[in-house]
Amino acid sequence: MQGAKTNLTSWNWHRMRIAVAMSACLFVSTLLSVPAMAQSAAAPAQLVVLEPLSLVKVKDLDFGQIIVNGAGTVVLNPTGSGTCTASGNLVRSGTCKPAEFAGLGSTGRFVRVRRPASNSITLTGPGTNMTVTNLQLDASPDLQLWFQLGRGYYYRIVSPDGSFDFRVGGTLNVAAGQAPGVYTGTFDVDINYY
């Protein structure tokens, strides 16, 4: 009897394995026979058409992320794609971008670009306000600097189509014990065509 019981158990086990395998195949074939759900997604496209003698902001000023171990500064050089140099007790990482503006004028015309009157930006956030001082401009190769007077930079438009861009950088001043968080501010750049 013992042997017959073992055979019956073995037989039941074998039938159960076949049933489970068939159920799994039916389940998988059910999944495979479901029609595919088509999906679509929209992607934004953007273009700015400039009026003659106009100016638009292209990029924001971005010093990246810093770790504060004490007071220090981060100097953002506006040339090219921008570079940041941290000093004092700061560790800096991430994106470093000068603010960038684009304009359209006429080749050979003159343009005056003026920094904010205070030559600084106040950044507010969860802690003590920070300042960006010593704002600097870089406009090569589209604009040729003729001279600087006070906060105004006088350029000649040298690009063949009259389009130009310029970048703004500066020095971020960070206090010891600066509270973590996001700090933001705004600044105005004035431009006049001659």
N, C-alpha and C. Protein backbone atom coordinates (compact mmCIF):
# COMPACT_ATOMS: atom_id res chain seq x y z
N MET A 1 0.80 -1.18 0.00
CA MET A 1 0.00 0.00 0.00
C MET A 1 0.84 1.25 0.00
N GLN A 2 1.89 1.11 0.74
CA GLN A 2 2.77 2.26 0.84
C GLN A 2 3.26 2.66 -0.54
N GLY A 3 3.65 1.70 -1.38
CA GLY A 3 4.15 2.00 -2.71
C GLY A 3 3.08 2.62 -3.59
N ALA A 4 1.82 2.11 -3.47
CA ALA A 4 0.74 2.65 -4.28
C ALA A 4 0.45 4.10 -3.90
N LYS A 5 0.52 4.35 -2.61
CA LYS A 5 0.29 5.71 -2.14
C LYS A 5 1.37 6.65 -2.69
N THR A 6 2.61 6.18 -2.71
CA THR A 6 3.69 6.98 -3.23
C THR A 6 3.47 7.26 -4.71
N ASN A 7 3.02 6.24 -5.45
CA ASN A 7 2.77 6.44 -6.87
C ASN A 7 1.63 7.42 -7.10
N LEU A 8 0.59 7.33 -6.26
CA LEU A 8 -0.53 8.24 -6.40
C LEU A 8 -0.09 9.67 -6.10
N THR A 9 0.73 9.81 -5.05
CA THR A 9 1.25 11.13 -4.72
C THR A 9 2.13 11.65 -5.85
N SER A 10 2.95 10.78 -6.38
CA SER A 10 3.82 11.17 -7.48
C SER A 10 2.97 11.55 -8.69
N TRP A 11 1.91 10.77 -8.94
CA TRP A 11 1.03 11.06 -10.07
C TRP A 11 0.33 12.40 -9.87
N ASN A 12 -0.19 12.64 -8.66
CA ASN A 12 -0.85 13.92 -8.38
C ASN A 12 0.13 15.08 -8.52
N TRP A 13 1.32 14.88 -8.02
CA TRP A 13 2.35 15.92 -8.13
C TRP A 13 2.64 16.23 -9.59
N HIS A 14 2.75 15.18 -10.40
CA HIS A 14 3.04 15.36 -11.82
C HIS A 14 1.88 16.11 -12.51
N ARG A 15 0.61 15.72 -12.18
CA ARG A 15 -0.56 16.40 -12.77
C ARG A 15 -0.62 17.86 -12.33
N MET A 16 -0.28 18.10 -11.07
CA MET A 16 -0.31 19.46 -10.56
C MET A 16 0.75 20.31 -11.27
N ARG A 17 1.94 19.77 -11.50
CA ARG A 17 2.98 20.52 -12.20
C ARG A 17 2.54 20.85 -13.62
N ILE A 18 1.89 19.90 -14.28
CA ILE A 18 1.40 20.14 -15.64
C ILE A 18 0.32 21.22 -15.61
N ALA A 19 -0.59 21.13 -14.62
CA ALA A 19 -1.67 22.12 -14.53
C ALA A 19 -1.11 23.51 -14.26
N VAL A 20 -0.11 23.61 -13.36
CA VAL A 20 0.50 24.90 -13.07
C VAL A 20 1.21 25.43 -14.31
N ALA A 21 1.93 24.56 -15.01
CA ALA A 21 2.64 24.98 -16.21
C ALA A 21 1.66 25.44 -17.28
N MET A 22 0.52 24.73 -17.44
CA MET A 22 -0.47 25.14 -18.43
C MET A 22 -1.12 26.46 -18.02
N SER A 23 -1.38 26.62 -16.72
CA SER A 23 -1.97 27.88 -16.24
C SER A 23 -1.02 29.03 -16.50
N ALA A 24 0.26 28.82 -16.24
CA ALA A 24 1.24 29.86 -16.49
C ALA A 24 1.30 30.20 -17.97
N CYS A 25 1.25 29.18 -18.83
CA CYS A 25 1.26 29.44 -20.27
C CYS A 25 0.02 30.20 -20.70
N LEU A 26 -1.16 29.82 -20.14
CA LEU A 26 -2.39 30.54 -20.47
C LEU A 26 -2.30 31.98 -20.01
N PHE A 27 -1.76 32.20 -18.80
CA PHE A 27 -1.63 33.56 -18.27
C PHE A 27 -0.72 34.40 -19.15
N VAL A 28 0.43 33.82 -19.53
CA VAL A 28 1.36 34.54 -20.39
C VAL A 28 0.74 34.79 -21.75
N SER A 29 0.04 33.80 -22.31
CA SER A 29 -0.57 34.01 -23.62
C SER A 29 -1.69 35.04 -23.54
N THR A 30 -2.37 35.11 -22.39
CA THR A 30 -3.39 36.14 -22.21
C THR A 30 -2.73 37.51 -22.22
N LEU A 31 -1.59 37.64 -21.55
CA LEU A 31 -0.89 38.91 -21.55
C LEU A 31 -0.40 39.28 -22.94
N LEU A 32 0.06 38.28 -23.66
CA LEU A 32 0.59 38.55 -24.99
C LEU A 32 -0.51 38.89 -25.98
N SER A 33 -1.74 38.39 -25.74
CA SER A 33 -2.80 38.66 -26.70
C SER A 33 -3.52 39.98 -26.44
N VAL A 34 -3.20 40.65 -25.33
CA VAL A 34 -3.80 41.95 -25.06
C VAL A 34 -3.22 42.95 -26.06
N PRO A 35 -4.08 43.72 -26.72
CA PRO A 35 -3.54 44.68 -27.69
C PRO A 35 -2.67 45.72 -26.99
N ALA A 36 -1.63 46.14 -27.66
CA ALA A 36 -0.71 47.14 -27.09
C ALA A 36 -1.44 48.47 -26.97
N MET A 37 -1.19 49.15 -25.88
CA MET A 37 -1.77 50.46 -25.67
C MET A 37 -0.82 51.49 -26.25
N ALA A 38 -1.26 52.19 -27.25
CA ALA A 38 -0.43 53.24 -27.85
C ALA A 38 -0.45 54.46 -26.96
N GLN A 39 0.69 55.08 -26.78
CA GLN A 39 0.78 56.27 -25.96
C GLN A 39 1.55 57.32 -26.72
N SER A 40 1.25 58.55 -26.42
CA SER A 40 2.00 59.64 -27.02
C SER A 40 2.35 60.64 -25.94
N ALA A 41 3.36 61.39 -26.20
CA ALA A 41 3.79 62.43 -25.26
C ALA A 41 4.11 63.68 -26.05
N ALA A 42 3.84 64.79 -25.43
CA ALA A 42 4.12 66.07 -26.08
C ALA A 42 5.45 66.61 -25.59
N ALA A 43 6.22 67.17 -26.48
CA ALA A 43 7.49 67.81 -26.12
C ALA A 43 7.40 69.27 -26.54
N PRO A 44 7.71 70.17 -25.63
CA PRO A 44 7.61 71.58 -26.00
C PRO A 44 8.73 71.99 -26.96
N ALA A 45 8.40 72.90 -27.83
CA ALA A 45 9.38 73.51 -28.73
C ALA A 45 9.29 75.01 -28.50
N GLN A 46 10.41 75.65 -28.54
CA GLN A 46 10.42 77.08 -28.24
C GLN A 46 11.36 77.81 -29.16
N LEU A 47 10.95 78.98 -29.57
CA LEU A 47 11.76 79.84 -30.40
C LEU A 47 11.42 81.27 -30.04
N VAL A 48 12.42 82.09 -29.94
CA VAL A 48 12.20 83.51 -29.68
C VAL A 48 12.65 84.27 -30.92
N VAL A 49 11.74 85.01 -31.51
CA VAL A 49 12.07 85.86 -32.65
C VAL A 49 12.30 87.26 -32.10
N LEU A 50 13.48 87.79 -32.32
CA LEU A 50 13.85 89.08 -31.75
C LEU A 50 13.43 90.22 -32.66
N GLU A 51 12.91 91.25 -32.04
CA GLU A 51 12.66 92.51 -32.74
C GLU A 51 14.01 93.19 -32.94
N PRO A 52 14.16 93.96 -33.98
CA PRO A 52 15.40 94.72 -34.12
C PRO A 52 15.61 95.61 -32.89
N LEU A 53 16.84 95.76 -32.49
CA LEU A 53 17.21 96.55 -31.31
C LEU A 53 16.50 96.04 -30.07
N SER A 54 16.60 94.74 -29.83
CA SER A 54 15.95 94.13 -28.67
C SER A 54 16.95 93.32 -27.85
N LEU A 55 16.49 92.86 -26.68
CA LEU A 55 17.33 92.09 -25.76
C LEU A 55 16.46 91.10 -25.02
N VAL A 56 16.93 89.85 -24.87
CA VAL A 56 16.23 88.83 -24.09
C VAL A 56 17.23 88.10 -23.20
N LYS A 57 16.73 87.59 -22.06
CA LYS A 57 17.56 86.77 -21.18
C LYS A 57 17.56 85.34 -21.72
N VAL A 58 18.74 84.75 -21.82
CA VAL A 58 18.88 83.40 -22.32
C VAL A 58 19.11 82.41 -21.18
N LYS A 59 19.99 82.75 -20.24
CA LYS A 59 20.31 81.86 -19.11
C LYS A 59 20.39 82.66 -17.82
N ASP A 60 20.06 81.98 -16.72
CA ASP A 60 20.18 82.58 -15.40
C ASP A 60 21.59 82.42 -14.86
N LEU A 61 21.96 83.29 -13.95
CA LEU A 61 23.23 83.21 -13.24
C LEU A 61 23.14 82.04 -12.25
N ASP A 62 24.09 81.11 -12.28
CA ASP A 62 24.02 79.90 -11.46
C ASP A 62 25.40 79.57 -10.90
N PHE A 63 25.52 79.63 -9.58
CA PHE A 63 26.79 79.33 -8.92
C PHE A 63 26.91 77.85 -8.53
N GLY A 64 25.90 77.04 -8.79
CA GLY A 64 25.95 75.63 -8.43
C GLY A 64 25.60 75.41 -6.98
N GLN A 65 26.22 74.39 -6.37
CA GLN A 65 25.99 74.07 -4.96
C GLN A 65 27.29 74.31 -4.18
N ILE A 66 27.12 74.75 -2.92
CA ILE A 66 28.29 74.95 -2.08
C ILE A 66 28.07 74.30 -0.72
N ILE A 67 29.16 73.86 -0.13
CA ILE A 67 29.17 73.39 1.26
C ILE A 67 29.94 74.44 2.04
N VAL A 68 29.31 74.93 3.11
CA VAL A 68 29.89 76.02 3.89
C VAL A 68 30.58 75.46 5.13
N ASN A 69 31.90 75.61 5.18
CA ASN A 69 32.68 75.26 6.37
C ASN A 69 33.20 76.51 7.05
N GLY A 70 32.78 77.66 6.58
CA GLY A 70 33.21 78.96 7.07
C GLY A 70 32.98 79.98 5.97
N ALA A 71 33.31 81.22 6.23
CA ALA A 71 33.09 82.28 5.24
C ALA A 71 33.98 82.07 4.02
N GLY A 72 33.51 82.58 2.88
CA GLY A 72 34.30 82.49 1.66
C GLY A 72 33.59 83.14 0.50
N THR A 73 34.17 83.01 -0.68
CA THR A 73 33.59 83.57 -1.89
C THR A 73 33.63 82.54 -3.01
N VAL A 74 32.75 82.74 -3.98
CA VAL A 74 32.79 81.99 -5.23
C VAL A 74 32.82 83.02 -6.35
N VAL A 75 33.89 83.02 -7.13
CA VAL A 75 34.02 83.96 -8.24
C VAL A 75 33.62 83.24 -9.52
N LEU A 76 32.60 83.79 -10.20
CA LEU A 76 32.13 83.23 -11.47
C LEU A 76 32.64 84.11 -12.59
N ASN A 77 33.55 83.57 -13.40
CA ASN A 77 34.12 84.28 -14.54
C ASN A 77 33.13 84.19 -15.70
N PRO A 78 32.71 85.32 -16.28
CA PRO A 78 31.68 85.27 -17.32
C PRO A 78 32.17 84.87 -18.71
N THR A 79 33.46 84.66 -18.90
CA THR A 79 33.95 84.34 -20.24
C THR A 79 33.54 82.94 -20.65
N GLY A 80 33.24 82.78 -21.93
CA GLY A 80 32.89 81.47 -22.48
C GLY A 80 31.73 80.83 -21.75
N SER A 81 31.90 79.58 -21.35
CA SER A 81 30.83 78.86 -20.66
C SER A 81 30.84 79.15 -19.17
N GLY A 82 31.85 79.88 -18.68
CA GLY A 82 31.90 80.25 -17.27
C GLY A 82 32.66 79.25 -16.43
N THR A 83 33.41 79.76 -15.50
CA THR A 83 34.12 78.92 -14.54
C THR A 83 33.93 79.54 -13.16
N CYS A 84 33.87 78.69 -12.15
CA CYS A 84 33.72 79.16 -10.77
C CYS A 84 34.94 78.75 -9.96
N THR A 85 35.40 79.67 -9.13
CA THR A 85 36.52 79.39 -8.24
C THR A 85 36.09 79.72 -6.82
N ALA A 86 36.10 78.70 -5.96
CA ALA A 86 35.72 78.90 -4.56
C ALA A 86 36.97 79.20 -3.74
N SER A 87 36.81 80.06 -2.74
CA SER A 87 37.93 80.37 -1.85
C SER A 87 37.42 80.39 -0.42
N GLY A 88 38.34 80.51 0.51
CA GLY A 88 37.95 80.48 1.91
C GLY A 88 37.62 79.05 2.31
N ASN A 89 36.56 78.90 3.05
CA ASN A 89 36.17 77.59 3.57
C ASN A 89 34.95 77.04 2.84
N LEU A 90 34.92 77.18 1.53
CA LEU A 90 33.79 76.71 0.73
C LEU A 90 34.23 75.58 -0.18
N VAL A 91 33.32 74.62 -0.36
CA VAL A 91 33.50 73.57 -1.35
C VAL A 91 32.36 73.74 -2.34
N ARG A 92 32.68 73.85 -3.63
CA ARG A 92 31.66 74.10 -4.66
C ARG A 92 31.60 72.94 -5.63
N SER A 93 30.37 72.61 -6.08
CA SER A 93 30.21 71.58 -7.11
C SER A 93 29.00 71.92 -7.96
N GLY A 94 28.80 71.16 -9.01
CA GLY A 94 27.62 71.34 -9.86
C GLY A 94 27.82 72.39 -10.94
N THR A 95 26.71 72.77 -11.51
CA THR A 95 26.68 73.71 -12.63
C THR A 95 27.21 75.07 -12.24
N CYS A 96 27.93 75.68 -13.14
CA CYS A 96 28.43 77.04 -12.95
C CYS A 96 28.19 77.76 -14.26
N LYS A 97 27.20 78.68 -14.28
CA LYS A 97 26.85 79.35 -15.53
C LYS A 97 26.71 80.85 -15.31
N PRO A 98 27.32 81.65 -16.16
CA PRO A 98 27.05 83.09 -16.10
C PRO A 98 25.65 83.36 -16.65
N ALA A 99 25.06 84.48 -16.24
CA ALA A 99 23.81 84.91 -16.87
C ALA A 99 24.14 85.25 -18.32
N GLU A 100 23.21 84.96 -19.21
CA GLU A 100 23.47 85.25 -20.62
C GLU A 100 22.27 85.98 -21.22
N PHE A 101 22.56 86.99 -22.01
CA PHE A 101 21.55 87.79 -22.69
C PHE A 101 21.87 87.80 -24.18
N ALA A 102 20.81 87.84 -25.01
CA ALA A 102 20.99 87.90 -26.46
C ALA A 102 20.26 89.12 -27.00
N GLY A 103 20.86 89.74 -28.00
CA GLY A 103 20.26 90.93 -28.59
C GLY A 103 20.39 90.91 -30.10
N LEU A 104 19.69 91.85 -30.71
CA LEU A 104 19.76 91.99 -32.15
C LEU A 104 19.78 93.47 -32.49
N GLY A 105 20.78 93.86 -33.22
CA GLY A 105 20.92 95.24 -33.66
C GLY A 105 21.36 95.24 -35.11
N SER A 106 22.21 96.15 -35.47
CA SER A 106 22.76 96.22 -36.82
C SER A 106 24.27 96.26 -36.73
N THR A 107 24.92 95.55 -37.63
CA THR A 107 26.37 95.54 -37.66
C THR A 107 26.89 96.97 -37.78
N GLY A 108 27.89 97.29 -36.95
CA GLY A 108 28.48 98.61 -36.97
C GLY A 108 27.84 99.59 -36.00
N ARG A 109 26.63 99.28 -35.50
CA ARG A 109 25.98 100.17 -34.54
C ARG A 109 26.62 100.01 -33.18
N PHE A 110 26.39 100.99 -32.32
CA PHE A 110 26.94 100.95 -30.97
C PHE A 110 25.83 100.62 -29.97
N VAL A 111 26.24 99.94 -28.91
CA VAL A 111 25.30 99.58 -27.86
C VAL A 111 25.98 99.82 -26.51
N ARG A 112 25.21 100.37 -25.58
CA ARG A 112 25.72 100.56 -24.22
C ARG A 112 24.99 99.56 -23.32
N VAL A 113 25.76 98.77 -22.57
CA VAL A 113 25.21 97.82 -21.62
C VAL A 113 25.57 98.32 -20.23
N ARG A 114 24.56 98.48 -19.37
CA ARG A 114 24.81 98.98 -18.01
C ARG A 114 24.45 97.94 -16.97
N ARG A 115 25.38 97.74 -16.05
CA ARG A 115 25.16 96.87 -14.90
C ARG A 115 24.22 97.58 -13.92
N PRO A 116 23.71 96.85 -12.91
CA PRO A 116 22.90 97.51 -11.88
C PRO A 116 23.69 98.64 -11.20
N ALA A 117 22.99 99.67 -10.75
CA ALA A 117 23.64 100.84 -10.14
C ALA A 117 24.52 100.45 -8.96
N SER A 118 24.09 99.48 -8.18
CA SER A 118 24.88 99.05 -7.01
C SER A 118 26.00 98.09 -7.39
N ASN A 119 26.00 97.63 -8.65
CA ASN A 119 26.95 96.62 -9.11
C ASN A 119 26.91 95.38 -8.22
N SER A 120 25.71 95.08 -7.71
CA SER A 120 25.55 93.90 -6.86
C SER A 120 24.13 93.35 -6.98
N ILE A 121 23.98 92.13 -6.52
CA ILE A 121 22.69 91.45 -6.49
C ILE A 121 22.51 90.91 -5.08
N THR A 122 21.32 91.08 -4.51
CA THR A 122 21.02 90.51 -3.20
C THR A 122 20.27 89.20 -3.40
N LEU A 123 20.78 88.14 -2.77
CA LEU A 123 20.15 86.83 -2.84
C LEU A 123 19.47 86.55 -1.50
N THR A 124 18.18 86.23 -1.54
CA THR A 124 17.44 85.92 -0.32
C THR A 124 17.12 84.43 -0.29
N GLY A 125 17.03 83.91 0.92
CA GLY A 125 16.73 82.49 1.11
C GLY A 125 16.41 82.23 2.56
N PRO A 126 16.62 81.01 3.02
CA PRO A 126 16.25 80.66 4.38
C PRO A 126 17.16 81.25 5.46
N GLY A 127 18.31 81.75 5.09
CA GLY A 127 19.25 82.31 6.07
C GLY A 127 19.53 83.77 5.79
N THR A 128 20.66 84.22 6.29
CA THR A 128 21.11 85.59 6.05
C THR A 128 21.24 85.85 4.56
N ASN A 129 20.84 87.04 4.11
CA ASN A 129 20.98 87.38 2.69
C ASN A 129 22.44 87.28 2.27
N MET A 130 22.65 86.85 1.03
CA MET A 130 23.99 86.83 0.44
C MET A 130 24.02 87.88 -0.66
N THR A 131 25.21 88.33 -1.02
CA THR A 131 25.33 89.29 -2.12
C THR A 131 26.27 88.75 -3.18
N VAL A 132 25.96 89.13 -4.41
CA VAL A 132 26.87 88.91 -5.53
C VAL A 132 27.39 90.30 -5.88
N THR A 133 28.68 90.50 -5.76
CA THR A 133 29.29 91.81 -6.00
C THR A 133 30.25 91.73 -7.18
N ASN A 134 30.80 92.89 -7.54
CA ASN A 134 31.79 92.97 -8.60
C ASN A 134 31.30 92.32 -9.90
N LEU A 135 30.10 92.70 -10.33
CA LEU A 135 29.54 92.14 -11.57
C LEU A 135 30.43 92.48 -12.75
N GLN A 136 30.71 91.49 -13.57
CA GLN A 136 31.57 91.64 -14.75
C GLN A 136 30.82 91.18 -15.99
N LEU A 137 31.14 91.80 -17.13
CA LEU A 137 30.53 91.44 -18.41
C LEU A 137 31.57 90.88 -19.36
N ASP A 138 31.13 89.95 -20.21
CA ASP A 138 31.96 89.46 -21.31
C ASP A 138 31.08 89.38 -22.54
N ALA A 139 31.48 90.01 -23.61
CA ALA A 139 30.63 90.08 -24.80
C ALA A 139 31.33 89.60 -26.06
N SER A 140 32.49 88.99 -25.93
CA SER A 140 33.19 88.55 -27.14
C SER A 140 32.52 87.30 -27.68
N PRO A 141 32.52 87.03 -28.94
CA PRO A 141 33.17 87.77 -30.01
C PRO A 141 32.23 88.71 -30.77
N ASP A 142 30.93 88.77 -30.37
CA ASP A 142 29.94 89.53 -31.15
C ASP A 142 30.01 91.03 -30.95
N LEU A 143 30.52 91.45 -29.81
CA LEU A 143 30.61 92.88 -29.49
C LEU A 143 32.06 93.24 -29.24
N GLN A 144 32.47 94.37 -29.74
CA GLN A 144 33.84 94.85 -29.55
C GLN A 144 33.79 96.00 -28.54
N LEU A 145 34.48 95.83 -27.40
CA LEU A 145 34.47 96.86 -26.36
C LEU A 145 35.23 98.09 -26.84
N TRP A 146 34.57 99.25 -26.80
CA TRP A 146 35.22 100.51 -27.15
C TRP A 146 35.74 101.18 -25.91
N PHE A 147 34.92 101.26 -24.87
CA PHE A 147 35.39 101.80 -23.59
C PHE A 147 34.36 101.50 -22.51
N GLN A 148 34.80 101.69 -21.27
CA GLN A 148 33.93 101.52 -20.12
C GLN A 148 33.91 102.83 -19.35
N LEU A 149 32.73 103.26 -18.97
CA LEU A 149 32.58 104.49 -18.21
C LEU A 149 31.58 104.23 -17.09
N GLY A 150 32.06 104.26 -15.85
CA GLY A 150 31.17 103.95 -14.73
C GLY A 150 30.65 102.54 -14.83
N ARG A 151 29.33 102.41 -14.76
CA ARG A 151 28.74 101.07 -14.86
C ARG A 151 28.35 100.71 -16.28
N GLY A 152 28.67 101.58 -17.24
CA GLY A 152 28.32 101.33 -18.63
C GLY A 152 29.49 100.81 -19.44
N TYR A 153 29.20 99.80 -20.25
CA TYR A 153 30.17 99.25 -21.20
C TYR A 153 29.68 99.64 -22.59
N TYR A 154 30.54 100.26 -23.38
CA TYR A 154 30.18 100.72 -24.72
C TYR A 154 30.81 99.79 -25.74
N TYR A 155 29.95 99.16 -26.54
CA TYR A 155 30.39 98.16 -27.51
C TYR A 155 29.98 98.56 -28.92
N ARG A 156 30.70 98.01 -29.88
CA ARG A 156 30.32 98.10 -31.29
C ARG A 156 29.91 96.70 -31.71
N ILE A 157 28.77 96.58 -32.39
CA ILE A 157 28.29 95.28 -32.88
C ILE A 157 29.13 94.89 -34.09
N VAL A 158 29.82 93.75 -34.00
CA VAL A 158 30.70 93.33 -35.09
C VAL A 158 30.24 92.03 -35.77
N SER A 159 29.20 91.39 -35.27
CA SER A 159 28.73 90.16 -35.93
C SER A 159 28.08 90.52 -37.27
N PRO A 160 28.26 89.70 -38.29
CA PRO A 160 27.74 90.02 -39.63
C PRO A 160 26.22 90.21 -39.68
N ASP A 161 25.47 89.46 -38.86
CA ASP A 161 24.01 89.57 -38.92
C ASP A 161 23.43 90.50 -37.85
N GLY A 162 24.28 91.12 -37.04
CA GLY A 162 23.81 92.05 -36.02
C GLY A 162 23.38 91.40 -34.72
N SER A 163 23.41 90.07 -34.66
CA SER A 163 23.04 89.39 -33.41
C SER A 163 24.24 89.38 -32.48
N PHE A 164 23.98 89.37 -31.19
CA PHE A 164 25.06 89.33 -30.21
C PHE A 164 24.56 88.73 -28.91
N ASP A 165 25.49 88.30 -28.11
CA ASP A 165 25.14 87.92 -26.75
C ASP A 165 26.25 88.37 -25.82
N PHE A 166 25.89 88.50 -24.55
CA PHE A 166 26.89 88.82 -23.54
C PHE A 166 26.53 88.10 -22.26
N ARG A 167 27.54 87.90 -21.43
CA ARG A 167 27.39 87.14 -20.20
C ARG A 167 27.76 88.01 -19.01
N VAL A 168 27.15 87.69 -17.86
CA VAL A 168 27.40 88.43 -16.63
C VAL A 168 27.81 87.44 -15.55
N GLY A 169 28.92 87.74 -14.87
CA GLY A 169 29.38 86.95 -13.74
C GLY A 169 29.63 87.87 -12.57
N GLY A 170 30.14 87.32 -11.48
CA GLY A 170 30.41 88.14 -10.31
C GLY A 170 30.96 87.31 -9.18
N THR A 171 31.03 87.92 -8.00
CA THR A 171 31.58 87.27 -6.81
C THR A 171 30.48 87.05 -5.79
N LEU A 172 30.21 85.78 -5.47
CA LEU A 172 29.24 85.43 -4.44
C LEU A 172 29.93 85.47 -3.09
N ASN A 173 29.36 86.23 -2.15
CA ASN A 173 29.92 86.36 -0.80
C ASN A 173 29.09 85.53 0.17
N VAL A 174 29.74 84.56 0.82
CA VAL A 174 29.05 83.62 1.70
C VAL A 174 29.56 83.81 3.12
N ALA A 175 28.63 83.94 4.06
CA ALA A 175 28.99 84.12 5.47
C ALA A 175 29.25 82.77 6.13
N ALA A 176 30.03 82.78 7.20
CA ALA A 176 30.24 81.57 7.99
C ALA A 176 28.88 81.19 8.59
N GLY A 177 28.57 79.93 8.60
CA GLY A 177 27.30 79.47 9.17
C GLY A 177 26.09 79.79 8.31
N GLN A 178 26.30 80.01 7.01
CA GLN A 178 25.18 80.31 6.11
C GLN A 178 24.21 79.14 6.13
N ALA A 179 22.92 79.42 6.34
CA ALA A 179 21.90 78.37 6.42
C ALA A 179 21.74 77.68 5.07
N PRO A 180 21.56 76.35 5.07
CA PRO A 180 21.36 75.63 3.81
C PRO A 180 20.02 76.02 3.18
N GLY A 181 19.95 75.91 1.87
CA GLY A 181 18.72 76.19 1.14
C GLY A 181 19.00 76.87 -0.18
N VAL A 182 17.95 77.21 -0.88
CA VAL A 182 18.05 77.88 -2.18
C VAL A 182 17.95 79.38 -1.97
N TYR A 183 18.89 80.12 -2.55
CA TYR A 183 18.92 81.58 -2.47
C TYR A 183 18.75 82.14 -3.88
N THR A 184 17.84 83.10 -4.03
CA THR A 184 17.57 83.67 -5.35
C THR A 184 17.53 85.19 -5.28
N GLY A 185 17.73 85.80 -6.42
CA GLY A 185 17.64 87.24 -6.54
C GLY A 185 17.49 87.62 -8.00
N THR A 186 17.22 88.87 -8.26
CA THR A 186 17.10 89.34 -9.64
C THR A 186 17.95 90.59 -9.82
N PHE A 187 18.28 90.86 -11.06
CA PHE A 187 19.01 92.09 -11.37
C PHE A 187 18.62 92.56 -12.77
N ASP A 188 18.74 93.84 -12.99
CA ASP A 188 18.41 94.44 -14.28
C ASP A 188 19.67 94.81 -15.03
N VAL A 189 19.62 94.61 -16.33
CA VAL A 189 20.67 95.07 -17.23
C VAL A 189 20.00 96.02 -18.21
N ASP A 190 20.52 97.24 -18.29
CA ASP A 190 19.98 98.23 -19.23
C ASP A 190 20.81 98.24 -20.49
N ILE A 191 20.13 98.42 -21.62
CA ILE A 191 20.84 98.45 -22.89
C ILE A 191 20.28 99.59 -23.74
N ASN A 192 21.17 100.33 -24.37
CA ASN A 192 20.79 101.42 -25.27
C ASN A 192 21.54 101.27 -26.58
N TYR A 193 20.84 101.50 -27.68
CA TYR A 193 21.46 101.44 -29.00
C TYR A 193 21.75 102.85 -29.49
N TYR A 194 22.89 103.03 -30.18
CA TYR A 194 23.28 104.33 -30.73
C TYR A 194 23.57 104.20 -32.20
